[in-house]
Amino acid sequence: MEDILVKLGYCVEFGKVDKNAPYPPDMKGQDGADELTKQAIEQGISAAVILEDALVAAMNRVGQKFTEKKIFIPQMLMSAKAMNAAVAHLKPFFNSGEITRKGKFIIATVKGDLHDIGKNLVKMAIEGAGWEVIDLGVDVPTEKVLETIQANPDAKIGLSALLTTTMGNMQVTVESIKSKYPSNAIIIGGAPVNEEFKTKIGADFYAPDPQSAVSYLNR
């Protein structure tokens, strides 16, 4: 049992999606995350163990390496593809309630901003850590965020901005959320924002990288 979970974790960490995937080269022709997850389920390993011991553990390693600049965006995206291939086999167990998510996380790039690479990396890391992510996309007005919180009252919120010109829209959204839902934690991120701006607008946490967002949520 332990052997297949180690192999599965390796596939996620290094982006081996399935048997046909050419990456990484040292695993050419070997089973990937897709096949190994299916095999683990067939061997009777519980979905919760597969998720926590193989997938979440692997994504934690990926996030840490990205934070330390040992890997970069292309490697992160390959890991995301492998993770998604594995999670596809676990969806029936989420739906049945056999395994549960840690919570819900709403993420959006604020109004006026069309950039999504950073948002997508954070989404991937948080999803990989066992959270259900509701991705509202880019150029998201405050009203849409508030509606989504109303439908998911216990959710945490993540807001991204890449342009200095959209920092004002982030502030409007944060202040609107806090006035209506003061207990919902808000994480902000993006190139122009920082710890000082977080304090100024009343957000709860500034995440300079995906792994710090995951660590904050898990705390």
N, C-alpha and C. Protein backbone atom coordinates (compact mmCIF):
# COMPACT_ATOMS: atom_id res chain seq x y z
N MET A 1 0.82 -1.20 0.00
CA MET A 1 0.00 0.00 0.00
C MET A 1 0.87 1.26 0.00
N GLU A 2 1.84 1.27 0.88
CA GLU A 2 2.70 2.43 1.01
C GLU A 2 3.45 2.72 -0.28
N ASP A 3 3.85 1.64 -0.98
CA ASP A 3 4.63 1.78 -2.21
C ASP A 3 3.84 2.54 -3.28
N ILE A 4 2.56 2.19 -3.46
CA ILE A 4 1.77 2.83 -4.52
C ILE A 4 1.48 4.29 -4.16
N LEU A 5 1.34 4.59 -2.88
CA LEU A 5 1.10 5.97 -2.47
C LEU A 5 2.35 6.82 -2.68
N VAL A 6 3.51 6.24 -2.42
CA VAL A 6 4.77 6.94 -2.66
C VAL A 6 4.92 7.24 -4.16
N LYS A 7 4.63 6.24 -5.00
CA LYS A 7 4.72 6.43 -6.45
C LYS A 7 3.74 7.49 -6.93
N LEU A 8 2.52 7.46 -6.38
CA LEU A 8 1.50 8.44 -6.76
C LEU A 8 1.94 9.85 -6.37
N GLY A 9 2.46 9.98 -5.16
CA GLY A 9 2.95 11.28 -4.71
C GLY A 9 4.07 11.80 -5.60
N TYR A 10 4.95 10.89 -6.02
CA TYR A 10 6.05 11.27 -6.90
C TYR A 10 5.51 11.77 -8.23
N CYS A 11 4.49 11.08 -8.76
CA CYS A 11 3.91 11.49 -10.04
C CYS A 11 3.31 12.89 -9.96
N VAL A 12 2.62 13.18 -8.87
CA VAL A 12 2.05 14.52 -8.71
C VAL A 12 3.16 15.55 -8.55
N GLU A 13 4.13 15.24 -7.74
CA GLU A 13 5.21 16.19 -7.48
C GLU A 13 5.97 16.55 -8.75
N PHE A 14 6.16 15.56 -9.63
CA PHE A 14 6.99 15.80 -10.83
C PHE A 14 6.17 15.86 -12.12
N GLY A 15 4.84 15.88 -12.00
CA GLY A 15 4.00 16.15 -13.16
C GLY A 15 3.79 15.01 -14.11
N LYS A 16 3.82 13.77 -13.62
CA LYS A 16 3.55 12.60 -14.47
C LYS A 16 2.04 12.36 -14.49
N VAL A 17 1.37 12.83 -15.52
CA VAL A 17 -0.09 12.80 -15.57
C VAL A 17 -0.62 11.38 -15.78
N ASP A 18 -0.11 10.72 -16.82
CA ASP A 18 -0.55 9.35 -17.13
C ASP A 18 0.58 8.62 -17.86
N LYS A 19 0.28 7.40 -18.25
CA LYS A 19 1.33 6.55 -18.85
C LYS A 19 1.89 7.15 -20.14
N ASN A 20 1.04 7.87 -20.89
CA ASN A 20 1.47 8.43 -22.17
C ASN A 20 2.24 9.74 -22.03
N ALA A 21 2.23 10.32 -20.84
CA ALA A 21 2.89 11.62 -20.65
C ALA A 21 4.41 11.47 -20.79
N PRO A 22 5.06 12.30 -21.58
CA PRO A 22 6.51 12.20 -21.77
C PRO A 22 7.32 12.80 -20.63
N TYR A 23 6.63 13.51 -19.74
CA TYR A 23 7.33 14.22 -18.67
C TYR A 23 6.96 13.61 -17.33
N PRO A 24 7.91 13.40 -16.41
CA PRO A 24 9.36 13.62 -16.55
C PRO A 24 10.01 12.48 -17.34
N PRO A 25 11.13 12.75 -18.00
CA PRO A 25 11.76 11.76 -18.88
C PRO A 25 12.11 10.45 -18.19
N ASP A 26 12.48 10.49 -16.90
CA ASP A 26 12.90 9.25 -16.23
C ASP A 26 11.72 8.31 -15.95
N MET A 27 10.47 8.78 -16.22
CA MET A 27 9.30 7.92 -15.99
C MET A 27 8.60 7.57 -17.31
N LYS A 28 9.29 7.73 -18.42
CA LYS A 28 8.68 7.46 -19.72
C LYS A 28 8.17 6.01 -19.77
N GLY A 29 6.90 5.86 -20.18
CA GLY A 29 6.30 4.55 -20.31
C GLY A 29 5.75 3.96 -19.01
N GLN A 30 5.97 4.65 -17.89
CA GLN A 30 5.47 4.16 -16.60
C GLN A 30 4.08 4.74 -16.30
N ASP A 31 3.36 4.08 -15.42
CA ASP A 31 2.05 4.58 -15.00
C ASP A 31 2.20 5.95 -14.36
N GLY A 32 1.17 6.80 -14.56
CA GLY A 32 1.18 8.13 -13.98
C GLY A 32 0.11 8.26 -12.90
N ALA A 33 -0.20 9.50 -12.55
CA ALA A 33 -1.17 9.76 -11.48
C ALA A 33 -2.54 9.17 -11.79
N ASP A 34 -2.92 9.22 -13.04
CA ASP A 34 -4.22 8.69 -13.46
C ASP A 34 -4.32 7.19 -13.15
N GLU A 35 -3.39 6.42 -13.66
CA GLU A 35 -3.44 4.96 -13.49
C GLU A 35 -3.22 4.56 -12.03
N LEU A 36 -2.29 5.21 -11.36
CA LEU A 36 -1.95 4.82 -9.99
C LEU A 36 -3.09 5.09 -9.01
N THR A 37 -3.82 6.17 -9.23
CA THR A 37 -4.97 6.45 -8.36
C THR A 37 -6.04 5.39 -8.54
N LYS A 38 -6.30 5.02 -9.78
CA LYS A 38 -7.27 3.96 -10.05
C LYS A 38 -6.84 2.65 -9.41
N GLN A 39 -5.56 2.32 -9.51
CA GLN A 39 -5.04 1.09 -8.91
C GLN A 39 -5.16 1.12 -7.39
N ALA A 40 -4.88 2.27 -6.79
CA ALA A 40 -4.95 2.40 -5.34
C ALA A 40 -6.38 2.15 -4.85
N ILE A 41 -7.35 2.70 -5.57
CA ILE A 41 -8.75 2.49 -5.21
C ILE A 41 -9.11 1.02 -5.35
N GLU A 42 -8.66 0.39 -6.44
CA GLU A 42 -8.95 -1.04 -6.67
C GLU A 42 -8.32 -1.93 -5.60
N GLN A 43 -7.19 -1.46 -5.04
CA GLN A 43 -6.53 -2.23 -3.97
C GLN A 43 -7.20 -2.03 -2.61
N GLY A 44 -8.22 -1.20 -2.56
CA GLY A 44 -8.95 -1.00 -1.32
C GLY A 44 -8.41 0.10 -0.43
N ILE A 45 -7.48 0.90 -0.94
CA ILE A 45 -6.98 2.03 -0.15
C ILE A 45 -8.06 3.10 -0.11
N SER A 46 -8.36 3.61 1.05
CA SER A 46 -9.45 4.57 1.17
C SER A 46 -9.12 5.87 0.44
N ALA A 47 -10.16 6.50 -0.07
CA ALA A 47 -9.99 7.75 -0.81
C ALA A 47 -9.37 8.82 0.08
N ALA A 48 -9.73 8.83 1.36
CA ALA A 48 -9.18 9.82 2.28
C ALA A 48 -7.68 9.65 2.45
N VAL A 49 -7.22 8.40 2.52
CA VAL A 49 -5.78 8.13 2.64
C VAL A 49 -5.06 8.54 1.36
N ILE A 50 -5.64 8.23 0.21
CA ILE A 50 -5.04 8.62 -1.07
C ILE A 50 -4.89 10.13 -1.13
N LEU A 51 -5.95 10.83 -0.73
CA LEU A 51 -5.93 12.29 -0.79
C LEU A 51 -4.86 12.87 0.13
N GLU A 52 -4.88 12.47 1.40
CA GLU A 52 -4.00 13.09 2.39
C GLU A 52 -2.55 12.62 2.28
N ASP A 53 -2.36 11.30 2.19
CA ASP A 53 -1.01 10.75 2.26
C ASP A 53 -0.23 10.87 0.96
N ALA A 54 -0.94 10.92 -0.16
CA ALA A 54 -0.25 11.01 -1.45
C ALA A 54 -0.41 12.39 -2.08
N LEU A 55 -1.65 12.81 -2.33
CA LEU A 55 -1.88 14.01 -3.13
C LEU A 55 -1.58 15.30 -2.36
N VAL A 56 -2.16 15.45 -1.18
CA VAL A 56 -1.93 16.67 -0.40
C VAL A 56 -0.46 16.79 -0.01
N ALA A 57 0.13 15.67 0.40
CA ALA A 57 1.54 15.68 0.78
C ALA A 57 2.42 16.11 -0.40
N ALA A 58 2.10 15.61 -1.59
CA ALA A 58 2.88 15.96 -2.78
C ALA A 58 2.72 17.45 -3.11
N MET A 59 1.51 17.95 -3.03
CA MET A 59 1.27 19.35 -3.36
C MET A 59 1.94 20.28 -2.34
N ASN A 60 2.03 19.83 -1.11
CA ASN A 60 2.78 20.61 -0.11
C ASN A 60 4.25 20.73 -0.50
N ARG A 61 4.81 19.64 -1.00
CA ARG A 61 6.21 19.67 -1.43
C ARG A 61 6.38 20.58 -2.65
N VAL A 62 5.43 20.51 -3.57
CA VAL A 62 5.47 21.36 -4.77
C VAL A 62 5.40 22.83 -4.37
N GLY A 63 4.46 23.15 -3.47
CA GLY A 63 4.31 24.53 -3.03
C GLY A 63 5.55 25.06 -2.35
N GLN A 64 6.18 24.21 -1.53
CA GLN A 64 7.39 24.63 -0.84
C GLN A 64 8.53 24.87 -1.81
N LYS A 65 8.67 24.00 -2.79
CA LYS A 65 9.73 24.18 -3.78
C LYS A 65 9.52 25.44 -4.62
N PHE A 66 8.25 25.74 -4.91
CA PHE A 66 7.95 26.96 -5.66
C PHE A 66 8.30 28.19 -4.84
N THR A 67 7.97 28.15 -3.55
CA THR A 67 8.29 29.27 -2.65
C THR A 67 9.80 29.49 -2.59
N GLU A 68 10.55 28.39 -2.58
CA GLU A 68 12.01 28.47 -2.49
C GLU A 68 12.67 28.70 -3.85
N LYS A 69 11.83 28.88 -4.90
CA LYS A 69 12.31 29.12 -6.28
C LYS A 69 13.16 27.96 -6.81
N LYS A 70 12.82 26.74 -6.37
CA LYS A 70 13.49 25.55 -6.89
C LYS A 70 12.77 25.02 -8.13
N ILE A 71 11.50 25.40 -8.26
CA ILE A 71 10.73 25.11 -9.48
C ILE A 71 10.00 26.39 -9.86
N PHE A 72 9.42 26.39 -11.09
CA PHE A 72 8.78 27.61 -11.57
C PHE A 72 7.39 27.28 -12.14
N ILE A 73 6.74 28.26 -12.74
CA ILE A 73 5.34 28.11 -13.14
C ILE A 73 5.10 26.87 -14.02
N PRO A 74 5.92 26.58 -15.04
CA PRO A 74 5.63 25.39 -15.86
C PRO A 74 5.58 24.08 -15.05
N GLN A 75 6.50 23.93 -14.09
CA GLN A 75 6.48 22.72 -13.26
C GLN A 75 5.25 22.68 -12.36
N MET A 76 4.86 23.85 -11.85
CA MET A 76 3.65 23.92 -11.03
C MET A 76 2.42 23.49 -11.84
N LEU A 77 2.36 23.94 -13.08
CA LEU A 77 1.20 23.61 -13.91
C LEU A 77 1.18 22.12 -14.26
N MET A 78 2.34 21.51 -14.46
CA MET A 78 2.39 20.07 -14.71
C MET A 78 1.91 19.29 -13.48
N SER A 79 2.33 19.74 -12.31
CA SER A 79 1.85 19.10 -11.08
C SER A 79 0.34 19.23 -10.95
N ALA A 80 -0.18 20.40 -11.35
CA ALA A 80 -1.62 20.63 -11.29
C ALA A 80 -2.36 19.65 -12.19
N LYS A 81 -1.81 19.41 -13.38
CA LYS A 81 -2.45 18.46 -14.30
C LYS A 81 -2.46 17.05 -13.71
N ALA A 82 -1.36 16.66 -13.10
CA ALA A 82 -1.28 15.33 -12.49
C ALA A 82 -2.25 15.23 -11.31
N MET A 83 -2.31 16.28 -10.51
CA MET A 83 -3.23 16.31 -9.37
C MET A 83 -4.67 16.18 -9.85
N ASN A 84 -5.03 16.93 -10.89
CA ASN A 84 -6.40 16.89 -11.41
C ASN A 84 -6.75 15.51 -11.94
N ALA A 85 -5.77 14.85 -12.58
CA ALA A 85 -6.02 13.49 -13.10
C ALA A 85 -6.32 12.53 -11.96
N ALA A 86 -5.62 12.70 -10.84
CA ALA A 86 -5.86 11.84 -9.68
C ALA A 86 -7.19 12.15 -9.01
N VAL A 87 -7.46 13.44 -8.82
CA VAL A 87 -8.69 13.86 -8.11
C VAL A 87 -9.94 13.44 -8.88
N ALA A 88 -9.85 13.35 -10.20
CA ALA A 88 -11.01 12.92 -11.00
C ALA A 88 -11.53 11.57 -10.52
N HIS A 89 -10.63 10.69 -10.09
CA HIS A 89 -11.04 9.36 -9.59
C HIS A 89 -11.65 9.44 -8.19
N LEU A 90 -11.37 10.52 -7.47
CA LEU A 90 -11.86 10.65 -6.09
C LEU A 90 -13.19 11.39 -6.00
N LYS A 91 -13.63 12.00 -7.09
CA LYS A 91 -14.85 12.81 -7.04
C LYS A 91 -16.07 12.04 -6.53
N PRO A 92 -16.26 10.77 -6.93
CA PRO A 92 -17.42 10.05 -6.38
C PRO A 92 -17.39 9.94 -4.85
N PHE A 93 -16.20 9.90 -4.28
CA PHE A 93 -16.08 9.79 -2.82
C PHE A 93 -16.35 11.12 -2.13
N PHE A 94 -16.05 12.24 -2.82
CA PHE A 94 -16.45 13.55 -2.30
C PHE A 94 -17.96 13.66 -2.32
N ASN A 95 -18.55 13.24 -3.45
CA ASN A 95 -20.01 13.37 -3.62
C ASN A 95 -20.78 12.51 -2.62
N SER A 96 -20.21 11.35 -2.29
CA SER A 96 -20.90 10.45 -1.35
C SER A 96 -20.69 10.86 0.10
N GLY A 97 -19.74 11.75 0.33
CA GLY A 97 -19.46 12.18 1.70
C GLY A 97 -18.43 11.33 2.40
N GLU A 98 -17.86 10.34 1.69
CA GLU A 98 -16.86 9.47 2.31
C GLU A 98 -15.61 10.27 2.69
N ILE A 99 -15.26 11.23 1.85
CA ILE A 99 -14.20 12.16 2.22
C ILE A 99 -14.75 13.58 2.08
N THR A 100 -14.29 14.45 2.94
CA THR A 100 -14.79 15.81 2.95
C THR A 100 -13.66 16.80 2.72
N ARG A 101 -14.01 17.91 2.14
CA ARG A 101 -13.05 19.00 1.96
C ARG A 101 -12.83 19.70 3.30
N LYS A 102 -11.72 20.39 3.40
CA LYS A 102 -11.41 21.14 4.63
C LYS A 102 -12.31 22.36 4.78
N GLY A 103 -12.83 22.83 3.68
CA GLY A 103 -13.68 24.01 3.69
C GLY A 103 -13.80 24.56 2.28
N LYS A 104 -14.45 25.71 2.14
CA LYS A 104 -14.63 26.34 0.83
C LYS A 104 -13.79 27.60 0.74
N PHE A 105 -13.25 27.83 -0.44
CA PHE A 105 -12.42 29.01 -0.69
C PHE A 105 -12.87 29.65 -1.99
N ILE A 106 -13.33 30.90 -1.89
CA ILE A 106 -13.75 31.66 -3.06
C ILE A 106 -12.56 32.49 -3.53
N ILE A 107 -12.25 32.40 -4.82
CA ILE A 107 -11.10 33.16 -5.34
C ILE A 107 -11.51 33.94 -6.58
N ALA A 108 -10.95 35.14 -6.71
CA ALA A 108 -11.29 35.98 -7.85
C ALA A 108 -10.19 37.00 -8.10
N THR A 109 -10.03 37.38 -9.37
CA THR A 109 -9.24 38.55 -9.72
C THR A 109 -10.21 39.73 -9.76
N VAL A 110 -9.85 40.82 -9.11
CA VAL A 110 -10.81 41.91 -8.89
C VAL A 110 -11.22 42.63 -10.18
N LYS A 111 -12.27 43.41 -10.06
CA LYS A 111 -12.83 44.13 -11.20
C LYS A 111 -11.77 44.99 -11.89
N GLY A 112 -11.77 44.94 -13.23
CA GLY A 112 -10.85 45.74 -14.02
C GLY A 112 -9.53 45.06 -14.32
N ASP A 113 -9.31 43.88 -13.72
CA ASP A 113 -8.04 43.18 -13.88
C ASP A 113 -8.29 41.83 -14.56
N LEU A 114 -7.58 41.59 -15.66
CA LEU A 114 -7.80 40.37 -16.45
C LEU A 114 -6.70 39.33 -16.27
N HIS A 115 -5.81 39.55 -15.33
CA HIS A 115 -4.69 38.62 -15.12
C HIS A 115 -5.11 37.44 -14.24
N ASP A 116 -4.69 36.25 -14.63
CA ASP A 116 -5.15 35.09 -13.85
C ASP A 116 -4.07 34.04 -13.56
N ILE A 117 -2.83 34.25 -13.99
CA ILE A 117 -1.82 33.21 -13.74
C ILE A 117 -1.59 33.03 -12.24
N GLY A 118 -1.38 34.14 -11.53
CA GLY A 118 -1.18 34.05 -10.09
C GLY A 118 -2.37 33.45 -9.38
N LYS A 119 -3.57 33.90 -9.77
CA LYS A 119 -4.80 33.35 -9.18
C LYS A 119 -4.89 31.85 -9.40
N ASN A 120 -4.56 31.43 -10.61
CA ASN A 120 -4.67 30.00 -10.92
C ASN A 120 -3.66 29.16 -10.15
N LEU A 121 -2.47 29.70 -9.91
CA LEU A 121 -1.48 28.98 -9.12
C LEU A 121 -1.94 28.82 -7.67
N VAL A 122 -2.51 29.89 -7.12
CA VAL A 122 -3.04 29.81 -5.75
C VAL A 122 -4.21 28.83 -5.70
N LYS A 123 -5.07 28.90 -6.68
CA LYS A 123 -6.21 27.98 -6.74
C LYS A 123 -5.72 26.53 -6.74
N MET A 124 -4.72 26.26 -7.56
CA MET A 124 -4.18 24.90 -7.66
C MET A 124 -3.61 24.43 -6.33
N ALA A 125 -2.85 25.30 -5.68
CA ALA A 125 -2.22 24.93 -4.41
C ALA A 125 -3.26 24.66 -3.32
N ILE A 126 -4.28 25.50 -3.27
CA ILE A 126 -5.31 25.36 -2.23
C ILE A 126 -6.20 24.15 -2.50
N GLU A 127 -6.53 23.94 -3.76
CA GLU A 127 -7.30 22.75 -4.12
C GLU A 127 -6.50 21.49 -3.79
N GLY A 128 -5.20 21.55 -4.07
CA GLY A 128 -4.33 20.42 -3.78
C GLY A 128 -4.16 20.16 -2.30
N ALA A 129 -4.46 21.16 -1.48
CA ALA A 129 -4.35 21.01 -0.03
C ALA A 129 -5.65 20.49 0.58
N GLY A 130 -6.64 20.20 -0.26
CA GLY A 130 -7.86 19.57 0.25
C GLY A 130 -9.05 20.50 0.43
N TRP A 131 -9.00 21.68 -0.15
CA TRP A 131 -10.11 22.63 -0.05
C TRP A 131 -10.94 22.60 -1.33
N GLU A 132 -12.22 22.92 -1.19
CA GLU A 132 -13.08 23.11 -2.36
C GLU A 132 -12.94 24.56 -2.81
N VAL A 133 -12.53 24.77 -4.05
CA VAL A 133 -12.29 26.12 -4.55
C VAL A 133 -13.39 26.54 -5.51
N ILE A 134 -13.95 27.71 -5.25
CA ILE A 134 -14.95 28.31 -6.15
C ILE A 134 -14.26 29.46 -6.87
N ASP A 135 -13.95 29.25 -8.14
CA ASP A 135 -13.18 30.21 -8.92
C ASP A 135 -14.13 31.11 -9.71
N LEU A 136 -14.17 32.40 -9.37
CA LEU A 136 -15.06 33.34 -10.05
C LEU A 136 -14.44 33.95 -11.29
N GLY A 137 -13.16 33.65 -11.54
CA GLY A 137 -12.50 34.14 -12.75
C GLY A 137 -11.87 35.51 -12.57
N VAL A 138 -11.85 36.27 -13.67
CA VAL A 138 -11.19 37.58 -13.67
C VAL A 138 -12.23 38.69 -13.84
N ASP A 139 -11.79 39.94 -13.58
CA ASP A 139 -12.66 41.11 -13.75
C ASP A 139 -13.98 40.92 -12.98
N VAL A 140 -13.85 40.53 -11.73
CA VAL A 140 -15.04 40.14 -10.94
C VAL A 140 -15.54 41.34 -10.11
N PRO A 141 -16.78 41.77 -10.33
CA PRO A 141 -17.31 42.88 -9.54
C PRO A 141 -17.58 42.47 -8.09
N THR A 142 -17.58 43.45 -7.22
CA THR A 142 -17.81 43.20 -5.79
C THR A 142 -19.13 42.47 -5.56
N GLU A 143 -20.15 42.84 -6.32
CA GLU A 143 -21.48 42.25 -6.12
C GLU A 143 -21.46 40.73 -6.32
N LYS A 144 -20.67 40.28 -7.30
CA LYS A 144 -20.60 38.84 -7.57
C LYS A 144 -19.92 38.11 -6.41
N VAL A 145 -18.89 38.72 -5.84
CA VAL A 145 -18.22 38.11 -4.69
C VAL A 145 -19.17 38.02 -3.52
N LEU A 146 -19.92 39.09 -3.26
CA LEU A 146 -20.87 39.10 -2.14
C LEU A 146 -21.97 38.05 -2.33
N GLU A 147 -22.46 37.91 -3.55
CA GLU A 147 -23.49 36.90 -3.84
C GLU A 147 -22.95 35.50 -3.57
N THR A 148 -21.70 35.27 -3.94
CA THR A 148 -21.11 33.95 -3.75
C THR A 148 -20.90 33.65 -2.27
N ILE A 149 -20.52 34.66 -1.50
CA ILE A 149 -20.37 34.46 -0.06
C ILE A 149 -21.72 34.16 0.57
N GLN A 150 -22.75 34.85 0.11
CA GLN A 150 -24.10 34.60 0.64
C GLN A 150 -24.51 33.15 0.42
N ALA A 151 -24.14 32.60 -0.73
CA ALA A 151 -24.47 31.21 -1.04
C ALA A 151 -23.55 30.22 -0.34
N ASN A 152 -22.38 30.71 0.11
CA ASN A 152 -21.39 29.85 0.79
C ASN A 152 -20.89 30.60 2.03
N PRO A 153 -21.74 30.72 3.06
CA PRO A 153 -21.47 31.65 4.17
C PRO A 153 -20.22 31.36 4.99
N ASP A 154 -19.72 30.12 4.96
CA ASP A 154 -18.53 29.79 5.76
C ASP A 154 -17.23 29.88 4.97
N ALA A 155 -17.32 30.32 3.73
CA ALA A 155 -16.14 30.31 2.85
C ALA A 155 -15.12 31.37 3.24
N LYS A 156 -13.86 31.04 2.98
CA LYS A 156 -12.78 32.01 3.04
C LYS A 156 -12.66 32.63 1.64
N ILE A 157 -12.05 33.81 1.55
CA ILE A 157 -12.02 34.52 0.28
C ILE A 157 -10.59 34.89 -0.09
N GLY A 158 -10.26 34.74 -1.37
CA GLY A 158 -8.97 35.18 -1.89
C GLY A 158 -9.16 36.15 -3.04
N LEU A 159 -8.48 37.30 -2.98
CA LEU A 159 -8.60 38.32 -4.03
C LEU A 159 -7.23 38.62 -4.61
N SER A 160 -7.18 38.71 -5.94
CA SER A 160 -5.92 38.95 -6.63
C SER A 160 -6.00 40.21 -7.48
N ALA A 161 -4.87 40.93 -7.55
CA ALA A 161 -4.74 42.09 -8.45
C ALA A 161 -3.30 42.15 -8.93
N LEU A 162 -3.11 42.41 -10.20
CA LEU A 162 -1.76 42.54 -10.74
C LEU A 162 -1.42 43.98 -11.10
N LEU A 163 -2.46 44.79 -11.29
CA LEU A 163 -2.25 46.17 -11.72
C LEU A 163 -2.41 47.14 -10.54
N THR A 164 -1.55 48.13 -10.49
CA THR A 164 -1.70 49.15 -9.45
C THR A 164 -3.03 49.89 -9.60
N THR A 165 -3.54 49.97 -10.83
CA THR A 165 -4.80 50.68 -11.08
C THR A 165 -6.01 49.93 -10.56
N THR A 166 -5.86 48.63 -10.25
CA THR A 166 -7.00 47.87 -9.73
C THR A 166 -6.91 47.62 -8.22
N MET A 167 -5.88 48.17 -7.59
CA MET A 167 -5.77 48.04 -6.13
C MET A 167 -6.95 48.72 -5.43
N GLY A 168 -7.41 49.84 -6.02
CA GLY A 168 -8.57 50.53 -5.46
C GLY A 168 -9.81 49.67 -5.49
N ASN A 169 -9.98 48.89 -6.57
CA ASN A 169 -11.13 47.98 -6.66
C ASN A 169 -11.03 46.86 -5.63
N MET A 170 -9.80 46.42 -5.37
CA MET A 170 -9.60 45.41 -4.33
C MET A 170 -10.02 45.97 -2.97
N GLN A 171 -9.65 47.21 -2.72
CA GLN A 171 -10.01 47.84 -1.45
C GLN A 171 -11.53 47.93 -1.30
N VAL A 172 -12.21 48.34 -2.36
CA VAL A 172 -13.67 48.43 -2.33
C VAL A 172 -14.29 47.07 -2.02
N THR A 173 -13.78 46.02 -2.66
CA THR A 173 -14.33 44.69 -2.45
C THR A 173 -14.08 44.20 -1.03
N VAL A 174 -12.87 44.40 -0.53
CA VAL A 174 -12.55 43.97 0.84
C VAL A 174 -13.43 44.70 1.85
N GLU A 175 -13.55 46.01 1.70
CA GLU A 175 -14.35 46.79 2.65
C GLU A 175 -15.82 46.41 2.59
N SER A 176 -16.32 46.07 1.40
CA SER A 176 -17.71 45.65 1.26
C SER A 176 -17.94 44.30 1.92
N ILE A 177 -16.98 43.38 1.73
CA ILE A 177 -17.11 42.07 2.37
C ILE A 177 -17.10 42.21 3.89
N LYS A 178 -16.16 42.98 4.39
CA LYS A 178 -16.02 43.11 5.84
C LYS A 178 -17.21 43.81 6.48
N SER A 179 -17.86 44.71 5.74
CA SER A 179 -19.03 45.39 6.29
C SER A 179 -20.23 44.45 6.38
N LYS A 180 -20.28 43.47 5.49
CA LYS A 180 -21.43 42.56 5.45
C LYS A 180 -21.12 41.21 6.09
N TYR A 181 -19.88 40.75 5.93
CA TYR A 181 -19.48 39.44 6.46
C TYR A 181 -18.16 39.59 7.23
N PRO A 182 -18.18 40.23 8.39
CA PRO A 182 -16.94 40.56 9.10
C PRO A 182 -16.12 39.36 9.57
N SER A 183 -16.76 38.21 9.71
CA SER A 183 -16.03 37.05 10.23
C SER A 183 -15.36 36.21 9.14
N ASN A 184 -15.62 36.51 7.86
CA ASN A 184 -15.03 35.74 6.77
C ASN A 184 -13.61 36.23 6.48
N ALA A 185 -12.65 35.33 6.59
CA ALA A 185 -11.25 35.70 6.38
C ALA A 185 -10.98 36.01 4.90
N ILE A 186 -10.21 37.06 4.66
CA ILE A 186 -9.86 37.47 3.30
C ILE A 186 -8.35 37.46 3.13
N ILE A 187 -7.90 36.74 2.10
CA ILE A 187 -6.49 36.72 1.71
C ILE A 187 -6.33 37.56 0.45
N ILE A 188 -5.30 38.41 0.40
CA ILE A 188 -5.03 39.16 -0.83
C ILE A 188 -3.64 38.81 -1.35
N GLY A 189 -3.48 38.96 -2.66
CA GLY A 189 -2.18 38.70 -3.28
C GLY A 189 -2.07 39.38 -4.62
N GLY A 190 -0.87 39.36 -5.16
CA GLY A 190 -0.62 40.00 -6.45
C GLY A 190 0.58 40.92 -6.37
N ALA A 191 1.16 41.21 -7.51
CA ALA A 191 2.42 41.95 -7.57
C ALA A 191 2.41 43.30 -6.84
N PRO A 192 1.35 44.12 -6.97
CA PRO A 192 1.45 45.45 -6.36
C PRO A 192 1.06 45.53 -4.89
N VAL A 193 0.51 44.44 -4.34
CA VAL A 193 0.02 44.52 -2.95
C VAL A 193 1.08 44.00 -1.98
N ASN A 194 0.94 44.39 -0.71
CA ASN A 194 1.92 43.99 0.30
C ASN A 194 1.26 44.00 1.68
N GLU A 195 2.06 43.76 2.69
CA GLU A 195 1.56 43.69 4.06
C GLU A 195 0.94 45.02 4.50
N GLU A 196 1.58 46.09 4.12
CA GLU A 196 1.07 47.42 4.50
C GLU A 196 -0.30 47.69 3.87
N PHE A 197 -0.45 47.31 2.61
CA PHE A 197 -1.73 47.50 1.92
C PHE A 197 -2.81 46.61 2.54
N LYS A 198 -2.44 45.39 2.91
CA LYS A 198 -3.38 44.49 3.59
C LYS A 198 -3.97 45.14 4.83
N THR A 199 -3.09 45.72 5.65
CA THR A 199 -3.53 46.38 6.88
C THR A 199 -4.41 47.59 6.57
N LYS A 200 -4.01 48.35 5.58
CA LYS A 200 -4.75 49.56 5.20
C LYS A 200 -6.19 49.26 4.81
N ILE A 201 -6.40 48.19 4.04
CA ILE A 201 -7.75 47.92 3.53
C ILE A 201 -8.55 46.98 4.42
N GLY A 202 -7.91 46.42 5.45
CA GLY A 202 -8.64 45.58 6.39
C GLY A 202 -8.75 44.12 6.02
N ALA A 203 -7.87 43.64 5.11
CA ALA A 203 -7.84 42.21 4.81
C ALA A 203 -7.18 41.46 5.97
N ASP A 204 -7.31 40.14 5.97
CA ASP A 204 -6.79 39.34 7.09
C ASP A 204 -5.38 38.83 6.86
N PHE A 205 -5.02 38.62 5.59
CA PHE A 205 -3.71 38.01 5.33
C PHE A 205 -3.21 38.42 3.96
N TYR A 206 -1.91 38.70 3.86
CA TYR A 206 -1.25 38.94 2.58
C TYR A 206 -0.41 37.73 2.24
N ALA A 207 -0.67 37.13 1.08
CA ALA A 207 0.06 35.94 0.65
C ALA A 207 1.01 36.29 -0.48
N PRO A 208 2.32 36.30 -0.22
CA PRO A 208 3.27 36.60 -1.29
C PRO A 208 3.45 35.44 -2.27
N ASP A 209 2.99 34.24 -1.90
CA ASP A 209 3.12 33.07 -2.76
C ASP A 209 2.02 32.07 -2.41
N PRO A 210 1.77 31.08 -3.27
CA PRO A 210 0.68 30.14 -3.02
C PRO A 210 0.81 29.36 -1.72
N GLN A 211 2.01 28.93 -1.37
CA GLN A 211 2.17 28.08 -0.19
C GLN A 211 1.83 28.84 1.09
N SER A 212 2.11 30.13 1.14
CA SER A 212 1.77 30.89 2.34
C SER A 212 0.25 31.00 2.49
N ALA A 213 -0.47 31.06 1.38
CA ALA A 213 -1.94 31.07 1.44
C ALA A 213 -2.45 29.74 1.99
N VAL A 214 -1.86 28.64 1.53
CA VAL A 214 -2.24 27.32 2.03
C VAL A 214 -1.96 27.20 3.54
N SER A 215 -0.81 27.64 3.95
CA SER A 215 -0.42 27.56 5.37
C SER A 215 -1.39 28.37 6.23
N TYR A 216 -1.76 29.55 5.76
CA TYR A 216 -2.70 30.39 6.52
C TYR A 216 -4.05 29.69 6.66
N LEU A 217 -4.58 29.16 5.56
CA LEU A 217 -5.86 28.49 5.61
C LEU A 217 -5.82 27.27 6.53
N ASN A 218 -4.76 26.52 6.47
CA ASN A 218 -4.66 25.32 7.31
C ASN A 218 -4.52 25.66 8.79
N ARG A 219 -4.00 26.84 9.09
CA ARG A 219 -3.93 27.27 10.49
C ARG A 219 -5.30 27.66 11.00
